[in-house]
PDB file of N, CA and C in Angstrom:
ATOM      1  N   UNK A   1    -108.308  37.779 -46.780  1.00  0.00           N
ATOM      2  CA  UNK A   1    -109.179  38.517 -46.561  1.00  0.00           C
ATOM      3  C   UNK A   1    -108.626  38.985 -44.826  1.00  0.00           C
ATOM      4  N   UNK A   2    -109.126  40.078 -44.348  1.00  0.00           N
ATOM      5  CA  UNK A   2    -108.445  40.853 -43.144  1.00  0.00           C
ATOM      6  C   UNK A   2    -108.805  40.164 -41.731  1.00  0.00           C
ATOM      7  N   UNK A   3    -108.234  40.341 -40.870  1.00  0.00           N
ATOM      8  CA  UNK A   3    -108.601  40.016 -39.653  1.00  0.00           C
ATOM      9  C   UNK A   3    -109.266  40.565 -38.865  1.00  0.00           C
ATOM     10  N   UNK A   4    -110.348  40.436 -38.415  1.00  0.00           N
ATOM     11  CA  UNK A   4    -111.402  41.093 -37.869  1.00  0.00           C
ATOM     12  C   UNK A   4    -111.363  41.295 -36.187  1.00  0.00           C
ATOM     13  N   UNK A   5    -110.307  40.427 -35.818  1.00  0.00           N
ATOM     14  CA  UNK A   5    -110.427  40.893 -34.198  1.00  0.00           C
ATOM     15  C   UNK A   5    -109.500  42.021 -34.236  1.00  0.00           C
ATOM     16  N   UNK A   6    -108.853  42.909 -34.998  1.00  0.00           N
ATOM     17  CA  UNK A   6    -107.943  43.525 -34.972  1.00  0.00           C
ATOM     18  C   UNK A   6    -108.741  44.871 -35.697  1.00  0.00           C
ATOM     19  N   UNK A   7    -109.136  45.426 -34.467  1.00  0.00           N
ATOM     20  CA  UNK A   7    -109.797  47.084 -34.893  1.00  0.00           C
ATOM     21  C   UNK A   7    -109.316  48.140 -35.032  1.00  0.00           C
ATOM     22  N   UNK A   8    -107.809  48.065 -35.178  1.00  0.00           N
ATOM     23  CA  UNK A   8    -107.155  48.948 -34.976  1.00  0.00           C
ATOM     24  C   UNK A   8    -106.765  49.878 -36.534  1.00  0.00           C
ATOM     25  N   UNK A   9    -107.069  48.825 -37.323  1.00  0.00           N
ATOM     26  CA  UNK A   9    -106.634  49.672 -38.756  1.00  0.00           C
ATOM     27  C   UNK A   9    -108.404  49.123 -39.402  1.00  0.00           C
ATOM     28  N   UNK A  10    -109.489  49.787 -38.896  1.00  0.00           N
ATOM     29  CA  UNK A  10    -110.567  49.178 -39.947  1.00  0.00           C
ATOM     30  C   UNK A  10    -111.833  50.066 -39.539  1.00  0.00           C
ATOM     31  N   UNK A  11    -112.591  50.257 -40.528  1.00  0.00           N
ATOM     32  CA  UNK A  11    -113.375  51.443 -40.329  1.00  0.00           C
ATOM     33  C   UNK A  11    -114.733  50.741 -39.842  1.00  0.00           C
ATOM     34  N   UNK A  12    -115.124  51.140 -38.529  1.00  0.00           N
ATOM     35  CA  UNK A  12    -116.269  50.465 -37.821  1.00  0.00           C
ATOM     36  C   UNK A  12    -117.146  50.849 -38.250  1.00  0.00           C
ATOM     37  N   UNK A  13    -118.346  50.683 -37.690  1.00  0.00           N
ATOM     38  CA  UNK A  13    -119.880  51.699 -37.877  1.00  0.00           C
ATOM     39  C   UNK A  13    -120.543  50.939 -36.550  1.00  0.00           C
ATOM     40  N   UNK A  14    -120.735  51.982 -35.623  1.00  0.00           N
ATOM     41  CA  UNK A  14    -121.385  51.707 -34.411  1.00  0.00           C
ATOM     42  C   UNK A  14    -122.690  52.233 -34.242  1.00  0.00           C
ATOM     43  N   UNK A  15    -123.711  51.585 -33.253  1.00  0.00           N
ATOM     44  CA  UNK A  15    -124.894  51.892 -33.273  1.00  0.00           C
ATOM     45  C   UNK A  15    -125.196  51.873 -31.987  1.00  0.00           C
ATOM     46  N   UNK A  16    -125.592  53.182 -31.733  1.00  0.00           N
ATOM     47  CA  UNK A  16    -126.291  53.309 -30.122  1.00  0.00           C
ATOM     48  C   UNK A  16    -127.219  52.132 -29.461  1.00  0.00           C
ATOM     49  N   UNK A  17    -127.305  51.903 -28.518  1.00  0.00           N
ATOM     50  CA  UNK A  17    -127.991  50.680 -27.959  1.00  0.00           C
ATOM     51  C   UNK A  17    -128.311  51.177 -26.492  1.00  0.00           C
ATOM     52  N   UNK A  18    -129.780  51.158 -26.636  1.00  0.00           N
ATOM     53  CA  UNK A  18    -130.349  51.482 -24.875  1.00  0.00           C
ATOM     54  C   UNK A  18    -130.197  50.298 -24.262  1.00  0.00           C
ATOM     55  N   UNK A  19    -129.975  50.571 -22.905  1.00  0.00           N
ATOM     56  CA  UNK A  19    -130.239  49.152 -21.948  1.00  0.00           C
ATOM     57  C   UNK A  19    -131.617  49.587 -21.249  1.00  0.00           C
ATOM     58  N   UNK A  20    -132.276  48.794 -20.525  1.00  0.00           N
ATOM     59  CA  UNK A  20    -132.982  48.601 -19.776  1.00  0.00           C
ATOM     60  C   UNK A  20    -133.160  49.003 -18.311  1.00  0.00           C
ATOM     61  N   UNK A  21    -131.909  49.380 -17.915  1.00  0.00           N
ATOM     62  CA  UNK A  21    -131.614  49.744 -16.583  1.00  0.00           C
ATOM     63  C   UNK A  21    -131.579  51.061 -16.631  1.00  0.00           C
ATOM     64  N   UNK A  22    -132.330  51.690 -15.934  1.00  0.00           N
ATOM     65  CA  UNK A  22    -132.383  53.069 -14.960  1.00  0.00           C
ATOM     66  C   UNK A  22    -131.963  53.344 -14.115  1.00  0.00           C
ATOM     67  N   UNK A  23    -130.790  54.527 -14.146  1.00  0.00           N
ATOM     68  CA  UNK A  23    -129.953  54.930 -13.429  1.00  0.00           C
ATOM     69  C   UNK A  23    -130.264  56.365 -13.187  1.00  0.00           C
ATOM     70  N   UNK A  24    -131.288  56.686 -11.880  1.00  0.00           N
ATOM     71  CA  UNK A  24    -131.596  58.001 -11.532  1.00  0.00           C
ATOM     72  C   UNK A  24    -132.321  59.165 -12.625  1.00  0.00           C
ATOM     73  N   UNK A  25    -133.294  58.101 -13.069  1.00  0.00           N
ATOM     74  CA  UNK A  25    -134.267  58.763 -13.925  1.00  0.00           C
ATOM     75  C   UNK A  25    -133.537  58.647 -15.484  1.00  0.00           C
ATOM     76  N   UNK A  26    -132.505  57.982 -15.701  1.00  0.00           N
ATOM     77  CA  UNK A  26    -131.878  58.260 -17.134  1.00  0.00           C
ATOM     78  C   UNK A  26    -131.887  56.663 -17.770  1.00  0.00           C
ATOM     79  N   UNK A  27    -131.928  56.630 -19.085  1.00  0.00           N
ATOM     80  CA  UNK A  27    -131.568  55.550 -19.832  1.00  0.00           C
ATOM     81  C   UNK A  27    -130.120  55.227 -19.856  1.00  0.00           C
ATOM     82  N   UNK A  28    -129.116  54.331 -19.269  1.00  0.00           N
ATOM     83  CA  UNK A  28    -127.929  53.943 -19.894  1.00  0.00           C
ATOM     84  C   UNK A  28    -127.777  53.857 -21.625  1.00  0.00           C
ATOM     85  N   UNK A  29    -127.054  54.524 -21.927  1.00  0.00           N
ATOM     86  CA  UNK A  29    -126.790  54.398 -23.434  1.00  0.00           C
ATOM     87  C   UNK A  29    -125.461  53.475 -23.719  1.00  0.00           C
ATOM     88  N   UNK A  30    -125.163  52.577 -24.539  1.00  0.00           N
ATOM     89  CA  UNK A  30    -123.845  52.017 -24.836  1.00  0.00           C
ATOM     90  C   UNK A  30    -123.493  52.065 -26.380  1.00  0.00           C
ATOM     91  N   UNK A  31    -122.792  51.958 -27.355  1.00  0.00           N
ATOM     92  CA  UNK A  31    -122.514  51.366 -28.618  1.00  0.00           C
ATOM     93  C   UNK A  31    -122.253  50.155 -28.629  1.00  0.00           C
ATOM     94  N   UNK A  32    -122.348  49.641 -30.105  1.00  0.00           N
ATOM     95  CA  UNK A  32    -121.857  48.368 -30.469  1.00  0.00           C
ATOM     96  C   UNK A  32    -121.405  48.263 -32.008  1.00  0.00           C
ATOM     97  N   UNK A  33    -120.070  47.838 -31.980  1.00  0.00           N
ATOM     98  CA  UNK A  33    -119.541  47.989 -33.058  1.00  0.00           C
ATOM     99  C   UNK A  33    -120.364  46.609 -34.134  1.00  0.00           C
ATOM    100  N   UNK A  34    -121.000  47.131 -34.994  1.00  0.00           N
ATOM    101  CA  UNK A  34    -122.031  45.918 -36.090  1.00  0.00           C
ATOM    102  C   UNK A  34    -121.123  45.603 -37.569  1.00  0.00           C
ATOM    103  N   UNK A  35    -120.303  46.337 -37.399  1.00  0.00           N
ATOM    104  CA  UNK A  35    -119.380  46.023 -38.658  1.00  0.00           C
ATOM    105  C   UNK A  35    -117.931  46.488 -39.153  1.00  0.00           C
ATOM    106  N   UNK A  36    -117.109  45.719 -39.452  1.00  0.00           N
ATOM    107  CA  UNK A  36    -115.977  46.322 -39.384  1.00  0.00           C
ATOM    108  C   UNK A  36    -115.327  46.267 -41.172  1.00  0.00           C
ATOM    109  N   UNK A  37    -114.634  47.294 -41.757  1.00  0.00           N
ATOM    110  CA  UNK A  37    -114.046  46.779 -42.541  1.00  0.00           C
ATOM    111  C   UNK A  37    -112.655  47.559 -42.962  1.00  0.00           C
ATOM    112  N   UNK A  38    -111.925  46.542 -43.843  1.00  0.00           N
ATOM    113  CA  UNK A  38    -110.277  47.087 -43.971  1.00  0.00           C
ATOM    114  C   UNK A  38    -110.389  47.935 -44.480  1.00  0.00           C
ATOM    115  N   UNK A  39    -109.172  48.791 -44.799  1.00  0.00           N
ATOM    116  CA  UNK A  39    -108.917  49.785 -45.903  1.00  0.00           C
ATOM    117  C   UNK A  39    -109.072  49.156 -47.386  1.00  0.00           C
ATOM    118  N   UNK A  40    -108.840  47.678 -47.530  1.00  0.00           N
ATOM    119  CA  UNK A  40    -108.777  47.443 -48.963  1.00  0.00           C
ATOM    120  C   UNK A  40    -110.456  47.059 -49.300  1.00  0.00           C
ATOM    121  N   UNK A  41    -110.863  46.593 -48.012  1.00  0.00           N
ATOM    122  CA  UNK A  41    -112.423  46.532 -48.614  1.00  0.00           C
ATOM    123  C   UNK A  41    -113.117  48.002 -48.332  1.00  0.00           C
ATOM    124  N   UNK A  42    -112.744  49.131 -47.814  1.00  0.00           N
ATOM    125  CA  UNK A  42    -113.615  50.118 -48.491  1.00  0.00           C
ATOM    126  C   UNK A  42    -112.962  50.836 -49.669  1.00  0.00           C
ATOM    127  N   UNK A  43    -111.898  50.507 -50.027  1.00  0.00           N
ATOM    128  CA  UNK A  43    -111.099  51.261 -50.849  1.00  0.00           C
ATOM    129  C   UNK A  43    -111.648  50.170 -52.635  1.00  0.00           C
ATOM    130  N   UNK A  44    -112.268  49.200 -52.012  1.00  0.00           N
ATOM    131  CA  UNK A  44    -113.023  48.132 -53.380  1.00  0.00           C
ATOM    132  C   UNK A  44    -115.005  48.502 -53.356  1.00  0.00           C
ATOM    133  N   UNK A  45    -115.059  49.139 -52.452  1.00  0.00           N
ATOM    134  CA  UNK A  45    -116.578  49.852 -52.210  1.00  0.00           C
ATOM    135  C   UNK A  45    -116.799  50.844 -53.640  1.00  0.00           C
ATOM    136  N   UNK A  46    -117.782  50.618 -54.316  1.00  0.00           N
ATOM    137  CA  UNK A  46    -117.749  51.830 -55.147  1.00  0.00           C
ATOM    138  C   UNK A  46    -118.405  52.875 -54.868  1.00  0.00           C
ATOM    139  N   UNK A  47    -118.589  53.877 -55.409  1.00  0.00           N
ATOM    140  CA  UNK A  47    -119.261  55.129 -55.151  1.00  0.00           C
ATOM    141  C   UNK A  47    -120.950  54.741 -55.244  1.00  0.00           C
ATOM    142  N   UNK A  48    -121.700  55.397 -54.449  1.00  0.00           N
ATOM    143  CA  UNK A  48    -123.141  55.039 -54.296  1.00  0.00           C
ATOM    144  C   UNK A  48    -123.374  53.734 -53.350  1.00  0.00           C
ATOM    145  N   UNK A  49    -124.359  52.861 -53.738  1.00  0.00           N
ATOM    146  CA  UNK A  49    -124.900  52.188 -52.766  1.00  0.00           C
ATOM    147  C   UNK A  49    -124.083  50.744 -52.964  1.00  0.00           C
ATOM    148  N   UNK A  50    -123.887  50.335 -52.015  1.00  0.00           N
ATOM    149  CA  UNK A  50    -123.172  48.771 -51.934  1.00  0.00           C
ATOM    150  C   UNK A  50    -123.673  47.820 -50.985  1.00  0.00           C
ATOM    151  N   UNK A  51    -124.195  46.802 -51.564  1.00  0.00           N
ATOM    152  CA  UNK A  51    -124.636  45.721 -50.345  1.00  0.00           C
ATOM    153  C   UNK A  51    -123.590  44.778 -49.792  1.00  0.00           C
ATOM    154  N   UNK A  52    -123.449  44.452 -48.633  1.00  0.00           N
ATOM    155  CA  UNK A  52    -122.225  44.214 -48.022  1.00  0.00           C
ATOM    156  C   UNK A  52    -123.134  43.154 -46.576  1.00  0.00           C
ATOM    157  N   UNK A  53    -122.367  41.833 -46.628  1.00  0.00           N
ATOM    158  CA  UNK A  53    -122.748  40.933 -45.660  1.00  0.00           C
ATOM    159  C   UNK A  53    -121.493  40.814 -44.808  1.00  0.00           C
ATOM    160  N   UNK A  54    -122.073  40.782 -43.105  1.00  0.00           N
ATOM    161  CA  UNK A  54    -121.099  40.692 -42.631  1.00  0.00           C
ATOM    162  C   UNK A  54    -120.693  39.247 -42.425  1.00  0.00           C
ATOM    163  N   UNK A  55    -119.746  38.577 -42.617  1.00  0.00           N
ATOM    164  CA  UNK A  55    -119.031  37.067 -42.704  1.00  0.00           C
ATOM    165  C   UNK A  55    -119.305  36.484 -41.321  1.00  0.00           C
ATOM    166  N   UNK A  56    -118.929  37.353 -40.499  1.00  0.00           N
ATOM    167  CA  UNK A  56    -119.133  36.594 -38.912  1.00  0.00           C
ATOM    168  C   UNK A  56    -120.215  36.582 -38.178  1.00  0.00           C
ATOM    169  N   UNK A  57    -120.951  37.370 -38.374  1.00  0.00           N
ATOM    170  CA  UNK A  57    -122.952  37.308 -37.951  1.00  0.00           C
ATOM    171  C   UNK A  57    -123.792  37.091 -39.026  1.00  0.00           C
ATOM    172  N   UNK A  58    -123.219  37.266 -40.200  1.00  0.00           N
ATOM    173  CA  UNK A  58    -124.462  37.335 -41.294  1.00  0.00           C
ATOM    174  C   UNK A  58    -125.503  37.833 -41.691  1.00  0.00           C
ATOM    175  N   UNK A  59    -125.099  38.969 -40.918  1.00  0.00           N
ATOM    176  CA  UNK A  59    -126.154  40.590 -40.873  1.00  0.00           C
ATOM    177  C   UNK A  59    -125.930  40.988 -42.202  1.00  0.00           C
ATOM    178  N   UNK A  60    -126.773  41.659 -43.111  1.00  0.00           N
ATOM    179  CA  UNK A  60    -126.896  42.283 -43.999  1.00  0.00           C
ATOM    180  C   UNK A  60    -127.065  43.654 -43.805  1.00  0.00           C
ATOM    181  N   UNK A  61    -126.134  44.756 -44.463  1.00  0.00           N
ATOM    182  CA  UNK A  61    -126.167  46.134 -44.229  1.00  0.00           C
ATOM    183  C   UNK A  61    -126.102  46.841 -45.822  1.00  0.00           C
ATOM    184  N   UNK A  62    -126.744  47.692 -45.907  1.00  0.00           N
ATOM    185  CA  UNK A  62    -126.260  48.698 -47.142  1.00  0.00           C
ATOM    186  C   UNK A  62    -125.391  49.732 -46.915  1.00  0.00           C
ATOM    187  N   UNK A  63    -124.454  50.083 -47.542  1.00  0.00           N
ATOM    188  CA  UNK A  63    -123.396  50.911 -47.464  1.00  0.00           C
ATOM    189  C   UNK A  63    -123.361  52.165 -48.340  1.00  0.00           C
ATOM    190  N   UNK A  64    -123.558  53.306 -48.003  1.00  0.00           N
ATOM    191  CA  UNK A  64    -123.326  54.053 -49.060  1.00  0.00           C
ATOM    192  C   UNK A  64    -122.171  54.982 -49.098  1.00  0.00           C
ATOM    193  N   UNK A  65    -121.178  55.120 -49.805  1.00  0.00           N
ATOM    194  CA  UNK A  65    -119.981  55.638 -50.087  1.00  0.00           C
ATOM    195  C   UNK A  65    -120.417  56.902 -50.856  1.00  0.00           C
ATOM    196  N   UNK A  66    -119.647  58.181 -50.544  1.00  0.00           N
ATOM    197  CA  UNK A  66    -119.902  59.085 -51.636  1.00  0.00           C
ATOM    198  C   UNK A  66    -118.417  60.072 -51.106  1.00  0.00           C
ATOM    199  N   UNK A  67    -117.697  60.132 -52.302  1.00  0.00           N
ATOM    200  CA  UNK A  67    -116.156  60.846 -52.023  1.00  0.00           C
ATOM    201  C   UNK A  67    -115.497  59.889 -50.462  1.00  0.00           C
ATOM    202  N   UNK A  68    -115.415  61.007 -49.747  1.00  0.00           N
ATOM    203  CA  UNK A  68    -114.318  60.021 -48.699  1.00  0.00           C
ATOM    204  C   UNK A  68    -115.826  60.023 -47.554  1.00  0.00           C
ATOM    205  N   UNK A  69    -116.723  60.109 -47.707  1.00  0.00           N
ATOM    206  CA  UNK A  69    -117.634  59.556 -46.725  1.00  0.00           C
ATOM    207  C   UNK A  69    -118.572  58.275 -47.253  1.00  0.00           C
ATOM    208  N   UNK A  70    -118.734  57.312 -45.770  1.00  0.00           N
ATOM    209  CA  UNK A  70    -119.327  56.176 -45.715  1.00  0.00           C
ATOM    210  C   UNK A  70    -120.191  56.185 -44.684  1.00  0.00           C
ATOM    211  N   UNK A  71    -121.696  55.684 -45.358  1.00  0.00           N
ATOM    212  CA  UNK A  71    -122.672  55.582 -44.247  1.00  0.00           C
ATOM    213  C   UNK A  71    -123.293  53.992 -44.311  1.00  0.00           C
ATOM    214  N   UNK A  72    -123.774  53.685 -43.275  1.00  0.00           N
ATOM    215  CA  UNK A  72    -124.207  52.059 -43.196  1.00  0.00           C
ATOM    216  C   UNK A  72    -125.376  52.181 -42.354  1.00  0.00           C
ATOM    217  N   UNK A  73    -126.483  51.075 -43.169  1.00  0.00           N
ATOM    218  CA  UNK A  73    -127.684  50.911 -42.162  1.00  0.00           C
ATOM    219  C   UNK A  73    -127.730  49.526 -42.463  1.00  0.00           C
ATOM    220  N   UNK A  74    -128.690  48.958 -41.615  1.00  0.00           N
ATOM    221  CA  UNK A  74    -129.157  47.687 -41.679  1.00  0.00           C
ATOM    222  C   UNK A  74    -129.888  47.538 -42.807  1.00  0.00           C
ATOM    223  N   UNK A  75    -129.896  46.077 -43.832  1.00  0.00           N
ATOM    224  CA  UNK A  75    -130.357  45.889 -44.670  1.00  0.00           C
ATOM    225  C   UNK A  75    -132.033  45.200 -44.492  1.00  0.00           C
ATOM    226  N   UNK A  76    -132.966  46.035 -43.872  1.00  0.00           N
ATOM    227  CA  UNK A  76    -134.346  45.196 -43.565  1.00  0.00           C
ATOM    228  C   UNK A  76    -135.027  46.348 -43.657  1.00  0.00           C
ATOM    229  N   UNK A  77    -135.706  45.651 -44.958  1.00  0.00           N
ATOM    230  CA  UNK A  77    -137.362  46.168 -44.582  1.00  0.00           C
ATOM    231  C   UNK A  77    -138.259  46.161 -43.372  1.00  0.00           C
ATOM    232  N   UNK A  78    -138.444  47.893 -42.804  1.00  0.00           N
ATOM    233  CA  UNK A  78    -139.200  47.596 -42.026  1.00  0.00           C
ATOM    234  C   UNK A  78    -140.889  46.972 -41.925  1.00  0.00           C
ATOM    235  N   UNK A  79    -141.215  47.542 -43.021  1.00  0.00           N
ATOM    236  CA  UNK A  79    -142.664  47.324 -43.564  1.00  0.00           C
ATOM    237  C   UNK A  79    -143.110  45.600 -43.437  1.00  0.00           C
ATOM    238  N   UNK A  80    -141.967  44.904 -44.298  1.00  0.00           N
ATOM    239  CA  UNK A  80    -142.341  43.780 -44.609  1.00  0.00           C
ATOM    240  C   UNK A  80    -141.254  42.756 -44.368  1.00  0.00           C
ATOM    241  N   UNK A  81    -140.135  43.302 -43.735  1.00  0.00           N
ATOM    242  CA  UNK A  81    -139.273  42.106 -43.068  1.00  0.00           C
ATOM    243  C   UNK A  81    -138.186  41.361 -43.966  1.00  0.00           C
ATOM    244  N   UNK A  82    -138.052  41.847 -44.963  1.00  0.00           N
ATOM    245  CA  UNK A  82    -137.569  41.209 -46.056  1.00  0.00           C
ATOM    246  C   UNK A  82    -135.876  41.990 -46.334  1.00  0.00           C
ATOM    247  N   UNK A  83    -135.109  41.733 -47.512  1.00  0.00           N
ATOM    248  CA  UNK A  83    -134.128  42.551 -47.766  1.00  0.00           C
ATOM    249  C   UNK A  83    -133.818  43.286 -49.035  1.00  0.00           C
ATOM    250  N   UNK A  84    -133.882  44.296 -49.155  1.00  0.00           N
ATOM    251  CA  UNK A  84    -133.300  45.262 -50.048  1.00  0.00           C
ATOM    252  C   UNK A  84    -132.705  44.373 -51.266  1.00  0.00           C
ATOM    253  N   UNK A  85    -132.907  44.339 -52.544  1.00  0.00           N
ATOM    254  CA  UNK A  85    -131.925  43.690 -53.676  1.00  0.00           C
ATOM    255  C   UNK A  85    -131.726  44.723 -54.408  1.00  0.00           C
ATOM    256  N   UNK A  86    -130.741  44.625 -55.314  1.00  0.00           N
ATOM    257  CA  UNK A  86    -130.172  45.589 -56.071  1.00  0.00           C
ATOM    258  C   UNK A  86    -131.069  45.738 -57.516  1.00  0.00           C
ATOM    259  N   UNK A  87    -131.179  46.964 -57.614  1.00  0.00           N
ATOM    260  CA  UNK A  87    -132.564  46.813 -58.906  1.00  0.00           C
ATOM    261  C   UNK A  87    -131.387  46.995 -60.256  1.00  0.00           C
ATOM    262  N   UNK A  88    -131.587  45.476 -61.269  1.00  0.00           N
ATOM    263  CA  UNK A  88    -131.128  45.511 -62.361  1.00  0.00           C
ATOM    264  C   UNK A  88    -131.199  46.593 -63.115  1.00  0.00           C
ATOM    265  N   UNK A  89    -132.311  47.587 -63.140  1.00  0.00           N
ATOM    266  CA  UNK A  89    -132.645  48.703 -64.002  1.00  0.00           C
ATOM    267  C   UNK A  89    -131.686  49.603 -63.280  1.00  0.00           C
ATOM    268  N   UNK A  90    -131.492  50.323 -62.666  1.00  0.00           N
ATOM    269  CA  UNK A  90    -130.808  51.119 -61.903  1.00  0.00           C
ATOM    270  C   UNK A  90    -129.132  51.320 -62.136  1.00  0.00           C
ATOM    271  N   UNK A  91    -128.975  51.646 -63.231  1.00  0.00           N
ATOM    272  CA  UNK A  91    -127.355  51.768 -63.826  1.00  0.00           C
ATOM    273  C   UNK A  91    -126.325  52.821 -62.756  1.00  0.00           C
ATOM    274  N   UNK A  92    -126.814  53.603 -62.098  1.00  0.00           N
ATOM    275  CA  UNK A  92    -126.199  54.508 -61.609  1.00  0.00           C
ATOM    276  C   UNK A  92    -126.196  53.887 -60.598  1.00  0.00           C
ATOM    277  N   UNK A  93    -126.687  52.960 -59.739  1.00  0.00           N
ATOM    278  CA  UNK A  93    -126.179  52.741 -58.369  1.00  0.00           C
ATOM    279  C   UNK A  93    -126.974  53.164 -57.343  1.00  0.00           C
ATOM    280  N   UNK A  94    -127.576  54.269 -57.660  1.00  0.00           N
ATOM    281  CA  UNK A  94    -128.166  55.476 -56.804  1.00  0.00           C
ATOM    282  C   UNK A  94    -129.466  54.942 -55.910  1.00  0.00           C
ATOM    283  N   UNK A  95    -130.216  53.822 -56.574  1.00  0.00           N
ATOM    284  CA  UNK A  95    -131.244  53.324 -55.462  1.00  0.00           C
ATOM    285  C   UNK A  95    -130.892  52.058 -55.171  1.00  0.00           C
ATOM    286  N   UNK A  96    -132.346  51.750 -54.602  1.00  0.00           N
ATOM    287  CA  UNK A  96    -132.281  50.533 -54.058  1.00  0.00           C
ATOM    288  C   UNK A  96    -133.716  49.892 -54.659  1.00  0.00           C
TER     289      UNK A  96
END
């Protein structure tokens, strides 16, 4: 498996985070790396929806790969708080 501490050769996903500290009427915003994939891990993703667990944090993500574009989001249902799972009837891998 890849060395997760070396971020120079990975595909990282960042999310903006807002801090509570206000400076002159504006809220300070920082980014945090939530997930880092090695080139081999990216190459092994299939086209469409992929489920991925960050082994260092235990958090689950949904990755969508479309040609050279890769998108990520947290795998959590905001309505019921559970995780989305693969639909066994979805042979094309286009829905959750």
